[in-house]
Amino acid sequence: FSRWHEEGEGVNYKYWEETIVRNLAGDVIETLPGDVMQ
């Protein structure tokens, strides 16, 4: 799953993404900075 974040406004605005990995039960098993692609 791709997850985006944002905080601040104007010159302090910040946006970033991370990748959430879940198993088939829905449990989060790993959180990775950045993106993953096949």
PDB file of all heavy atoms in Angstrom:
ATOM      1  N   PHE A   1       0.841  -1.189   0.000  1.00  0.00           N
ATOM      2  CA  PHE A   1       0.000   0.000   0.000  1.00  0.00           C
ATOM      3  C   PHE A   1       0.880   1.245   0.000  1.00  0.00           C
ATOM      4  O   PHE A   1       1.849   1.330   0.759  1.00  0.00           O
ATOM      5  CB  PHE A   1      -0.896   0.042   1.246  1.00  0.00           C
ATOM      6  CG  PHE A   1      -1.865  -1.094   1.341  1.00  0.00           C
ATOM      7  CD1 PHE A   1      -1.442  -2.354   1.766  1.00  0.00           C
ATOM      8  CD2 PHE A   1      -3.195  -0.916   1.019  1.00  0.00           C
ATOM      9  CE1 PHE A   1      -2.336  -3.408   1.859  1.00  0.00           C
ATOM     10  CE2 PHE A   1      -4.102  -1.961   1.116  1.00  0.00           C
ATOM     11  CZ  PHE A   1      -3.676  -3.218   1.535  1.00  0.00           C
ATOM     12  N   SER A   2       0.539   2.205  -0.839  1.00  0.00           N
ATOM     13  CA  SER A   2       1.211   3.498  -0.811  1.00  0.00           C
ATOM     14  C   SER A   2       0.478   4.398   0.176  1.00  0.00           C
ATOM     15  O   SER A   2      -0.749   4.471   0.162  1.00  0.00           O
ATOM     16  CB  SER A   2       1.190   4.127  -2.209  1.00  0.00           C
ATOM     17  OG  SER A   2       1.736   5.420  -2.188  1.00  0.00           O
ATOM     18  N   ARG A   3       1.220   5.085   1.042  1.00  0.00           N
ATOM     19  CA  ARG A   3       0.620   5.996   2.023  1.00  0.00           C
ATOM     20  C   ARG A   3       1.284   7.366   1.913  1.00  0.00           C
ATOM     21  O   ARG A   3       2.500   7.478   1.931  1.00  0.00           O
ATOM     22  CB  ARG A   3       0.792   5.457   3.440  1.00  0.00           C
ATOM     23  CG  ARG A   3       0.265   6.409   4.527  1.00  0.00           C
ATOM     24  CD  ARG A   3       0.432   5.810   5.913  1.00  0.00           C
ATOM     25  NE  ARG A   3      -0.444   4.651   6.086  1.00  0.00           N
ATOM     26  CZ  ARG A   3      -0.421   3.864   7.173  1.00  0.00           C
ATOM     27  NH1 ARG A   3       0.439   4.116   8.155  1.00  0.00           N
ATOM     28  NH2 ARG A   3      -1.242   2.844   7.269  1.00  0.00           N
ATOM     29  N   TRP A   4       0.479   8.412   1.771  1.00  0.00           N
ATOM     30  CA  TRP A   4       1.045   9.759   1.677  1.00  0.00           C
ATOM     31  C   TRP A   4       0.821  10.543   2.965  1.00  0.00           C
ATOM     32  O   TRP A   4      -0.116  10.284   3.716  1.00  0.00           O
ATOM     33  CB  TRP A   4       0.463  10.517   0.483  1.00  0.00           C
ATOM     34  CG  TRP A   4      -1.030  10.728   0.502  1.00  0.00           C
ATOM     35  CD1 TRP A   4      -1.982   9.910  -0.029  1.00  0.00           C
ATOM     36  CD2 TRP A   4      -1.735  11.837   1.080  1.00  0.00           C
ATOM     37  NE1 TRP A   4      -3.241  10.423   0.168  1.00  0.00           N
ATOM     38  CE2 TRP A   4      -3.120  11.617   0.855  1.00  0.00           C
ATOM     39  CE3 TRP A   4      -1.343  12.985   1.760  1.00  0.00           C
ATOM     40  CZ2 TRP A   4      -4.096  12.504   1.281  1.00  0.00           C
ATOM     41  CZ3 TRP A   4      -2.316  13.879   2.196  1.00  0.00           C
ATOM     42  CH2 TRP A   4      -3.676  13.636   1.953  1.00  0.00           C
ATOM     43  N   HIS A   5       1.720  11.485   3.207  1.00  0.00           N
ATOM     44  CA  HIS A   5       1.659  12.341   4.384  1.00  0.00           C
ATOM     45  C   HIS A   5       1.879  13.786   3.947  1.00  0.00           C
ATOM     46  O   HIS A   5       2.591  14.045   2.967  1.00  0.00           O
ATOM     47  CB  HIS A   5       2.749  11.977   5.398  1.00  0.00           C
ATOM     48  CG  HIS A   5       2.699  10.564   5.885  1.00  0.00           C
ATOM     49  ND1 HIS A   5       2.001  10.186   7.003  1.00  0.00           N
ATOM     50  CD2 HIS A   5       3.277   9.432   5.397  1.00  0.00           C
ATOM     51  CE1 HIS A   5       2.162   8.883   7.208  1.00  0.00           C
ATOM     52  NE2 HIS A   5       2.929   8.406   6.242  1.00  0.00           N
ATOM     53  N   GLU A   6       1.319  14.714   4.688  1.00  0.00           N
ATOM     54  CA  GLU A   6       1.626  16.124   4.483  1.00  0.00           C
ATOM     55  C   GLU A   6       1.512  16.866   5.812  1.00  0.00           C
ATOM     56  O   GLU A   6       0.760  16.458   6.700  1.00  0.00           O
ATOM     57  CB  GLU A   6       0.693  16.750   3.439  1.00  0.00           C
ATOM     58  CG  GLU A   6      -0.771  16.760   3.795  1.00  0.00           C
ATOM     59  CD  GLU A   6      -1.622  17.431   2.723  1.00  0.00           C
ATOM     60  OE1 GLU A   6      -1.061  18.010   1.779  1.00  0.00           O
ATOM     61  OE2 GLU A   6      -2.862  17.365   2.840  1.00  0.00           O
ATOM     62  N   GLU A   7       2.282  17.931   5.920  1.00  0.00           N
ATOM     63  CA  GLU A   7       2.222  18.747   7.135  1.00  0.00           C
ATOM     64  C   GLU A   7       2.725  20.161   6.808  1.00  0.00           C
ATOM     65  O   GLU A   7       3.430  20.378   5.812  1.00  0.00           O
ATOM     66  CB  GLU A   7       3.074  18.150   8.254  1.00  0.00           C
ATOM     67  CG  GLU A   7       4.550  18.086   7.956  1.00  0.00           C
ATOM     68  CD  GLU A   7       5.361  17.464   9.090  1.00  0.00           C
ATOM     69  OE1 GLU A   7       4.829  16.608   9.819  1.00  0.00           O
ATOM     70  OE2 GLU A   7       6.545  17.838   9.220  1.00  0.00           O
ATOM     71  N   GLY A   8       2.353  21.114   7.646  1.00  0.00           N
ATOM     72  CA  GLY A   8       2.801  22.487   7.474  1.00  0.00           C
ATOM     73  C   GLY A   8       2.084  23.209   6.356  1.00  0.00           C
ATOM     74  O   GLY A   8       1.262  22.651   5.632  1.00  0.00           O
ATOM     75  N   GLU A   9       2.412  24.486   6.210  1.00  0.00           N
ATOM     76  CA  GLU A   9       1.836  25.334   5.178  1.00  0.00           C
ATOM     77  C   GLU A   9       2.911  26.224   4.581  1.00  0.00           C
ATOM     78  O   GLU A   9       3.964  26.452   5.191  1.00  0.00           O
ATOM     79  CB  GLU A   9       0.717  26.206   5.764  1.00  0.00           C
ATOM     80  CG  GLU A   9      -0.479  25.423   6.299  1.00  0.00           C
ATOM     81  CD  GLU A   9      -1.547  26.332   6.873  1.00  0.00           C
ATOM     82  OE1 GLU A   9      -1.317  27.563   6.923  1.00  0.00           O
ATOM     83  OE2 GLU A   9      -2.612  25.821   7.265  1.00  0.00           O
ATOM     84  N   GLY A  10       2.630  26.758   3.377  1.00  0.00           N
ATOM     85  CA  GLY A  10       3.542  27.699   2.742  1.00  0.00           C
ATOM     86  C   GLY A  10       4.945  27.147   2.592  1.00  0.00           C
ATOM     87  O   GLY A  10       5.140  26.017   2.140  1.00  0.00           O
ATOM     88  N   VAL A  11       5.934  27.938   3.017  1.00  0.00           N
ATOM     89  CA  VAL A  11       7.330  27.495   2.866  1.00  0.00           C
ATOM     90  C   VAL A  11       7.650  26.312   3.767  1.00  0.00           C
ATOM     91  O   VAL A  11       8.668  25.627   3.570  1.00  0.00           O
ATOM     92  CB  VAL A  11       8.314  28.658   3.160  1.00  0.00           C
ATOM     93  CG1 VAL A  11       8.159  29.761   2.135  1.00  0.00           C
ATOM     94  CG2 VAL A  11       8.103  29.204   4.567  1.00  0.00           C
ATOM     95  N   ASN A  12       6.803  26.047   4.750  1.00  0.00           N
ATOM     96  CA  ASN A  12       7.023  24.930   5.673  1.00  0.00           C
ATOM     97  C   ASN A  12       6.259  23.665   5.259  1.00  0.00           C
ATOM     98  O   ASN A  12       6.287  22.674   5.982  1.00  0.00           O
ATOM     99  CB  ASN A  12       6.608  25.337   7.094  1.00  0.00           C
ATOM    100  CG  ASN A  12       7.464  26.460   7.643  1.00  0.00           C
ATOM    101  OD1 ASN A  12       8.686  26.438   7.487  1.00  0.00           O
ATOM    102  ND2 ASN A  12       6.837  27.438   8.272  1.00  0.00           N
ATOM    103  N   TYR A  13       5.575  23.770   4.108  1.00  0.00           N
ATOM    104  CA  TYR A  13       4.799  22.603   3.655  1.00  0.00           C
ATOM    105  C   TYR A  13       5.738  21.450   3.296  1.00  0.00           C
ATOM    106  O   TYR A  13       6.779  21.641   2.670  1.00  0.00           O
ATOM    107  CB  TYR A  13       3.962  22.973   2.442  1.00  0.00           C
ATOM    108  CG  TYR A  13       3.188  21.799   1.867  1.00  0.00           C
ATOM    109  CD1 TYR A  13       2.017  21.353   2.467  1.00  0.00           C
ATOM    110  CD2 TYR A  13       3.654  21.133   0.735  1.00  0.00           C
ATOM    111  CE1 TYR A  13       1.314  20.274   1.936  1.00  0.00           C
ATOM    112  CE2 TYR A  13       2.955  20.049   0.203  1.00  0.00           C
ATOM    113  CZ  TYR A  13       1.784  19.625   0.813  1.00  0.00           C
ATOM    114  OH  TYR A  13       1.097  18.568   0.300  1.00  0.00           O
ATOM    115  N   LYS A  14       5.335  20.259   3.708  1.00  0.00           N
ATOM    116  CA  LYS A  14       6.119  19.053   3.440  1.00  0.00           C
ATOM    117  C   LYS A  14       5.205  17.912   3.045  1.00  0.00           C
ATOM    118  O   LYS A  14       4.170  17.690   3.669  1.00  0.00           O
ATOM    119  CB  LYS A  14       6.926  18.669   4.683  1.00  0.00           C
ATOM    120  CG  LYS A  14       7.852  17.472   4.487  1.00  0.00           C
ATOM    121  CD  LYS A  14       8.614  17.159   5.770  1.00  0.00           C
ATOM    122  CE  LYS A  14       9.514  15.948   5.594  1.00  0.00           C
ATOM    123  NZ  LYS A  14      10.237  15.602   6.850  1.00  0.00           N
ATOM    124  N   TYR A  15       5.590  17.204   2.010  1.00  0.00           N
ATOM    125  CA  TYR A  15       4.831  16.043   1.520  1.00  0.00           C
ATOM    126  C   TYR A  15       5.787  14.873   1.336  1.00  0.00           C
ATOM    127  O   TYR A  15       6.893  15.051   0.824  1.00  0.00           O
ATOM    128  CB  TYR A  15       4.153  16.380   0.187  1.00  0.00           C
ATOM    129  CG  TYR A  15       3.453  15.205  -0.472  1.00  0.00           C
ATOM    130  CD1 TYR A  15       2.117  14.937  -0.218  1.00  0.00           C
ATOM    131  CD2 TYR A  15       4.146  14.356  -1.334  1.00  0.00           C
ATOM    132  CE1 TYR A  15       1.473  13.857  -0.819  1.00  0.00           C
ATOM    133  CE2 TYR A  15       3.515  13.267  -1.927  1.00  0.00           C
ATOM    134  CZ  TYR A  15       2.175  13.032  -1.662  1.00  0.00           C
ATOM    135  OH  TYR A  15       1.544  11.961  -2.245  1.00  0.00           O
ATOM    136  N   TRP A  16       5.383  13.678   1.770  1.00  0.00           N
ATOM    137  CA  TRP A  16       6.213  12.503   1.544  1.00  0.00           C
ATOM    138  C   TRP A  16       5.341  11.249   1.513  1.00  0.00           C
ATOM    139  O   TRP A  16       4.191  11.251   1.939  1.00  0.00           O
ATOM    140  CB  TRP A  16       7.301  12.381   2.611  1.00  0.00           C
ATOM    141  CG  TRP A  16       6.855  11.975   3.988  1.00  0.00           C
ATOM    142  CD1 TRP A  16       6.903  10.728   4.538  1.00  0.00           C
ATOM    143  CD2 TRP A  16       6.302  12.832   5.000  1.00  0.00           C
ATOM    144  NE1 TRP A  16       6.431  10.745   5.819  1.00  0.00           N
ATOM    145  CE2 TRP A  16       6.052  12.027   6.135  1.00  0.00           C
ATOM    146  CE3 TRP A  16       5.987  14.196   5.061  1.00  0.00           C
ATOM    147  CZ2 TRP A  16       5.495  12.533   7.308  1.00  0.00           C
ATOM    148  CZ3 TRP A  16       5.448  14.694   6.235  1.00  0.00           C
ATOM    149  CH2 TRP A  16       5.211  13.871   7.339  1.00  0.00           C
ATOM    150  N   GLU A  17       5.916  10.187   0.990  1.00  0.00           N
ATOM    151  CA  GLU A  17       5.204   8.918   0.866  1.00  0.00           C
ATOM    152  C   GLU A  17       6.020   7.792   1.482  1.00  0.00           C
ATOM    153  O   GLU A  17       7.251   7.877   1.572  1.00  0.00           O
ATOM    154  CB  GLU A  17       4.906   8.598  -0.605  1.00  0.00           C
ATOM    155  CG  GLU A  17       3.976   9.584  -1.277  1.00  0.00           C
ATOM    156  CD  GLU A  17       3.636   9.182  -2.700  1.00  0.00           C
ATOM    157  OE1 GLU A  17       4.054   8.080  -3.123  1.00  0.00           O
ATOM    158  OE2 GLU A  17       2.959   9.965  -3.380  1.00  0.00           O
ATOM    159  N   GLU A  18       5.319   6.752   1.881  1.00  0.00           N
ATOM    160  CA  GLU A  18       5.966   5.535   2.355  1.00  0.00           C
ATOM    161  C   GLU A  18       5.147   4.345   1.895  1.00  0.00           C
ATOM    162  O   GLU A  18       4.016   4.495   1.403  1.00  0.00           O
ATOM    163  CB  GLU A  18       6.088   5.539   3.885  1.00  0.00           C
ATOM    164  CG  GLU A  18       4.780   5.621   4.627  1.00  0.00           C
ATOM    165  CD  GLU A  18       4.972   5.748   6.139  1.00  0.00           C
ATOM    166  OE1 GLU A  18       6.128   5.769   6.599  1.00  0.00           O
ATOM    167  OE2 GLU A  18       3.955   5.821   6.850  1.00  0.00           O
ATOM    168  N   THR A  19       5.709   3.166   2.013  1.00  0.00           N
ATOM    169  CA  THR A  19       5.036   1.942   1.576  1.00  0.00           C
ATOM    170  C   THR A  19       4.726   1.077   2.788  1.00  0.00           C
ATOM    171  O   THR A  19       5.614   0.777   3.590  1.00  0.00           O
ATOM    172  CB  THR A  19       5.919   1.163   0.581  1.00  0.00           C
ATOM    173  OG1 THR A  19       6.183   1.989  -0.556  1.00  0.00           O
ATOM    174  CG2 THR A  19       5.224  -0.116   0.131  1.00  0.00           C
ATOM    175  N   ILE A  20       3.468   0.695   2.911  1.00  0.00           N
ATOM    176  CA  ILE A  20       3.006  -0.159   3.995  1.00  0.00           C
ATOM    177  C   ILE A  20       2.812  -1.570   3.441  1.00  0.00           C
ATOM    178  O   ILE A  20       2.120  -1.763   2.432  1.00  0.00           O
ATOM    179  CB  ILE A  20       1.669   0.345   4.584  1.00  0.00           C
ATOM    180  CG1 ILE A  20       1.769   1.827   4.959  1.00  0.00           C
ATOM    181  CG2 ILE A  20       1.262  -0.502   5.779  1.00  0.00           C
ATOM    182  CD1 ILE A  20       2.820   2.154   5.980  1.00  0.00           C
ATOM    183  N   VAL A  21       3.434  -2.544   4.082  1.00  0.00           N
ATOM    184  CA  VAL A  21       3.308  -3.943   3.647  1.00  0.00           C
ATOM    185  C   VAL A  21       2.455  -4.688   4.668  1.00  0.00           C
ATOM    186  O   VAL A  21       2.747  -4.665   5.869  1.00  0.00           O
ATOM    187  CB  VAL A  21       4.690  -4.612   3.515  1.00  0.00           C
ATOM    188  CG1 VAL A  21       4.548  -6.017   2.926  1.00  0.00           C
ATOM    189  CG2 VAL A  21       5.629  -3.764   2.660  1.00  0.00           C
ATOM    190  N   ARG A  22       1.406  -5.337   4.186  1.00  0.00           N
ATOM    191  CA  ARG A  22       0.507  -6.109   5.049  1.00  0.00           C
ATOM    192  C   ARG A  22       0.476  -7.564   4.595  1.00  0.00           C
ATOM    193  O   ARG A  22       0.717  -7.875   3.428  1.00  0.00           O
ATOM    194  CB  ARG A  22      -0.923  -5.545   4.995  1.00  0.00           C
ATOM    195  CG  ARG A  22      -1.053  -4.105   5.478  1.00  0.00           C
ATOM    196  CD  ARG A  22      -2.495  -3.607   5.318  1.00  0.00           C
ATOM    197  NE  ARG A  22      -2.645  -2.218   5.689  1.00  0.00           N
ATOM    198  CZ  ARG A  22      -2.938  -1.792   6.909  1.00  0.00           C
ATOM    199  NH1 ARG A  22      -3.142  -2.683   7.882  1.00  0.00           N
ATOM    200  NH2 ARG A  22      -3.056  -0.495   7.162  1.00  0.00           N
ATOM    201  N   ASN A  23       0.137  -8.450   5.541  1.00  0.00           N
ATOM    202  CA  ASN A  23      -0.113  -9.834   5.154  1.00  0.00           C
ATOM    203  C   ASN A  23      -1.591  -9.980   4.771  1.00  0.00           C
ATOM    204  O   ASN A  23      -2.362  -9.012   4.828  1.00  0.00           O
ATOM    205  CB  ASN A  23       0.298 -10.811   6.264  1.00  0.00           C
ATOM    206  CG  ASN A  23      -0.446 -10.545   7.570  1.00  0.00           C
ATOM    207  OD1 ASN A  23      -1.543  -9.977   7.587  1.00  0.00           O
ATOM    208  ND2 ASN A  23       0.146 -10.957   8.680  1.00  0.00           N
ATOM    209  N   LEU A  24      -1.995 -11.186   4.412  1.00  0.00           N
ATOM    210  CA  LEU A  24      -3.369 -11.387   3.948  1.00  0.00           C
ATOM    211  C   LEU A  24      -4.401 -11.272   5.067  1.00  0.00           C
ATOM    212  O   LEU A  24      -5.595 -11.181   4.804  1.00  0.00           O
ATOM    213  CB  LEU A  24      -3.503 -12.751   3.256  1.00  0.00           C
ATOM    214  CG  LEU A  24      -2.688 -12.925   1.967  1.00  0.00           C
ATOM    215  CD1 LEU A  24      -2.977 -14.282   1.331  1.00  0.00           C
ATOM    216  CD2 LEU A  24      -2.962 -11.814   0.976  1.00  0.00           C
ATOM    217  N   ALA A  25      -3.927 -11.236   6.320  1.00  0.00           N
ATOM    218  CA  ALA A  25      -4.833 -11.006   7.446  1.00  0.00           C
ATOM    219  C   ALA A  25      -5.022  -9.508   7.705  1.00  0.00           C
ATOM    220  O   ALA A  25      -5.835  -9.119   8.538  1.00  0.00           O
ATOM    221  CB  ALA A  25      -4.294 -11.690   8.700  1.00  0.00           C
ATOM    222  N   GLY A  26      -4.244  -8.681   6.992  1.00  0.00           N
ATOM    223  CA  GLY A  26      -4.356  -7.244   7.151  1.00  0.00           C
ATOM    224  C   GLY A  26      -3.372  -6.644   8.128  1.00  0.00           C
ATOM    225  O   GLY A  26      -3.351  -5.431   8.334  1.00  0.00           O
ATOM    226  N   ASP A  27      -2.527  -7.471   8.754  1.00  0.00           N
ATOM    227  CA  ASP A  27      -1.553  -6.971   9.722  1.00  0.00           C
ATOM    228  C   ASP A  27      -0.398  -6.278   9.013  1.00  0.00           C
ATOM    229  O   ASP A  27       0.117  -6.778   7.996  1.00  0.00           O
ATOM    230  CB  ASP A  27      -0.996  -8.132  10.561  1.00  0.00           C
ATOM    231  CG  ASP A  27      -2.082  -8.921  11.255  1.00  0.00           C
ATOM    232  OD1 ASP A  27      -2.991  -8.279  11.807  1.00  0.00           O
ATOM    233  OD2 ASP A  27      -2.027 -10.170  11.226  1.00  0.00           O
ATOM    234  N   VAL A  28       0.045  -5.143   9.560  1.00  0.00           N
ATOM    235  CA  VAL A  28       1.211  -4.459   9.010  1.00  0.00           C
ATOM    236  C   VAL A  28       2.462  -5.226   9.414  1.00  0.00           C
ATOM    237  O   VAL A  28       2.719  -5.446  10.598  1.00  0.00           O
ATOM    238  CB  VAL A  28       1.295  -3.007   9.523  1.00  0.00           C
ATOM    239  CG1 VAL A  28       2.585  -2.345   9.048  1.00  0.00           C
ATOM    240  CG2 VAL A  28       0.082  -2.201   9.053  1.00  0.00           C
ATOM    241  N   ILE A  29       3.237  -5.664   8.435  1.00  0.00           N
ATOM    242  CA  ILE A  29       4.449  -6.437   8.728  1.00  0.00           C
ATOM    243  C   ILE A  29       5.713  -5.646   8.423  1.00  0.00           C
ATOM    244  O   ILE A  29       6.800  -6.033   8.848  1.00  0.00           O
ATOM    245  CB  ILE A  29       4.464  -7.775   7.961  1.00  0.00           C
ATOM    246  CG1 ILE A  29       4.342  -7.550   6.456  1.00  0.00           C
ATOM    247  CG2 ILE A  29       3.352  -8.687   8.456  1.00  0.00           C
ATOM    248  CD1 ILE A  29       4.446  -8.831   5.632  1.00  0.00           C
ATOM    249  N   GLU A  30       5.563  -4.521   7.697  1.00  0.00           N
ATOM    250  CA  GLU A  30       6.733  -3.717   7.379  1.00  0.00           C
ATOM    251  C   GLU A  30       6.292  -2.341   6.903  1.00  0.00           C
ATOM    252  O   GLU A  30       5.255  -2.202   6.241  1.00  0.00           O
ATOM    253  CB  GLU A  30       7.559  -4.404   6.282  1.00  0.00           C
ATOM    254  CG  GLU A  30       8.963  -3.889   6.141  1.00  0.00           C
ATOM    255  CD  GLU A  30       9.803  -4.753   5.211  1.00  0.00           C
ATOM    256  OE1 GLU A  30       9.254  -5.692   4.592  1.00  0.00           O
ATOM    257  OE2 GLU A  30      11.017  -4.497   5.109  1.00  0.00           O
ATOM    258  N   THR A  31       7.059  -1.327   7.271  1.00  0.00           N
ATOM    259  CA  THR A  31       6.848   0.029   6.763  1.00  0.00           C
ATOM    260  C   THR A  31       8.146   0.489   6.130  1.00  0.00           C
ATOM    261  O   THR A  31       9.197   0.507   6.782  1.00  0.00           O
ATOM    262  CB  THR A  31       6.441   0.997   7.890  1.00  0.00           C
ATOM    263  OG1 THR A  31       5.206   0.544   8.471  1.00  0.00           O
ATOM    264  CG2 THR A  31       6.232   2.396   7.339  1.00  0.00           C
ATOM    265  N   LEU A  32       8.097   0.847   4.848  1.00  0.00           N
ATOM    266  CA  LEU A  32       9.292   1.190   4.094  1.00  0.00           C
ATOM    267  C   LEU A  32       9.246   2.657   3.677  1.00  0.00           C
ATOM    268  O   LEU A  32       8.226   3.120   3.163  1.00  0.00           O
ATOM    269  CB  LEU A  32       9.397   0.327   2.832  1.00  0.00           C
ATOM    270  CG  LEU A  32       9.405  -1.195   3.029  1.00  0.00           C
ATOM    271  CD1 LEU A  32       9.270  -1.895   1.693  1.00  0.00           C
ATOM    272  CD2 LEU A  32      10.677  -1.638   3.734  1.00  0.00           C
ATOM    273  N   PRO A  33      10.321   3.403   3.880  1.00  0.00           N
ATOM    274  CA  PRO A  33      10.345   4.770   3.361  1.00  0.00           C
ATOM    275  C   PRO A  33      10.390   4.742   1.835  1.00  0.00           C
ATOM    276  O   PRO A  33      11.004   3.854   1.243  1.00  0.00           O
ATOM    277  CB  PRO A  33      11.642   5.342   3.944  1.00  0.00           C
ATOM    278  CG  PRO A  33      12.516   4.143   4.147  1.00  0.00           C
ATOM    279  CD  PRO A  33      11.589   3.030   4.533  1.00  0.00           C
ATOM    280  N   GLY A  34       9.731   5.690   1.187  1.00  0.00           N
ATOM    281  CA  GLY A  34       9.788   5.757  -0.263  1.00  0.00           C
ATOM    282  C   GLY A  34       8.784   4.835  -0.941  1.00  0.00           C
ATOM    283  O   GLY A  34       7.747   4.491  -0.379  1.00  0.00           O
ATOM    284  N   ASP A  35       9.130   4.407  -2.150  1.00  0.00           N
ATOM    285  CA  ASP A  35       8.194   3.661  -2.997  1.00  0.00           C
ATOM    286  C   ASP A  35       8.776   2.309  -3.370  1.00  0.00           C
ATOM    287  O   ASP A  35       9.980   2.088  -3.307  1.00  0.00           O
ATOM    288  CB  ASP A  35       7.902   4.474  -4.260  1.00  0.00           C
ATOM    289  CG  ASP A  35       6.655   4.016  -4.983  1.00  0.00           C
ATOM    290  OD1 ASP A  35       5.930   3.159  -4.435  1.00  0.00           O
ATOM    291  OD2 ASP A  35       6.399   4.501  -6.095  1.00  0.00           O
ATOM    292  N   VAL A  36       7.877   1.411  -3.761  1.00  0.00           N
ATOM    293  CA  VAL A  36       8.242   0.080  -4.231  1.00  0.00           C
ATOM    294  C   VAL A  36       7.584  -0.129  -5.591  1.00  0.00           C
ATOM    295  O   VAL A  36       6.435   0.257  -5.799  1.00  0.00           O
ATOM    296  CB  VAL A  36       7.763  -1.006  -3.237  1.00  0.00           C
ATOM    297  CG1 VAL A  36       7.887  -2.396  -3.834  1.00  0.00           C
ATOM    298  CG2 VAL A  36       8.560  -0.919  -1.936  1.00  0.00           C
ATOM    299  N   MET A  37       8.322  -0.725  -6.515  1.00  0.00           N
ATOM    300  CA  MET A  37       7.728  -1.002  -7.823  1.00  0.00           C
ATOM    301  C   MET A  37       8.234  -2.341  -8.340  1.00  0.00           C
ATOM    302  O   MET A  37       9.326  -2.784  -7.999  1.00  0.00           O
ATOM    303  CB  MET A  37       8.046   0.112  -8.823  1.00  0.00           C
ATOM    304  CG  MET A  37       9.510   0.323  -9.115  1.00  0.00           C
ATOM    305  SD  MET A  37       9.809   1.780 -10.156  1.00  0.00           S
ATOM    306  CE  MET A  37       8.921   1.332 -11.643  1.00  0.00           C
ATOM    307  N   GLN A  38       7.390  -2.987  -9.135  1.00  0.00           N
ATOM    308  CA  GLN A  38       7.755  -4.274  -9.721  1.00  0.00           C
ATOM    309  C   GLN A  38       8.238  -4.053 -11.143  1.00  0.00           C
ATOM    310  O   GLN A  38       7.575  -3.418 -11.957  1.00  0.00           O
ATOM    311  CB  GLN A  38       6.560  -5.232  -9.712  1.00  0.00           C
ATOM    312  CG  GLN A  38       6.923  -6.653 -10.071  1.00  0.00           C
ATOM    313  CD  GLN A  38       5.796  -7.624  -9.782  1.00  0.00           C
ATOM    314  OE1 GLN A  38       4.639  -7.315  -9.999  1.00  0.00           O
ATOM    315  NE2 GLN A  38       6.133  -8.798  -9.296  1.00  0.00           N
TER     316      GLN A  38
END
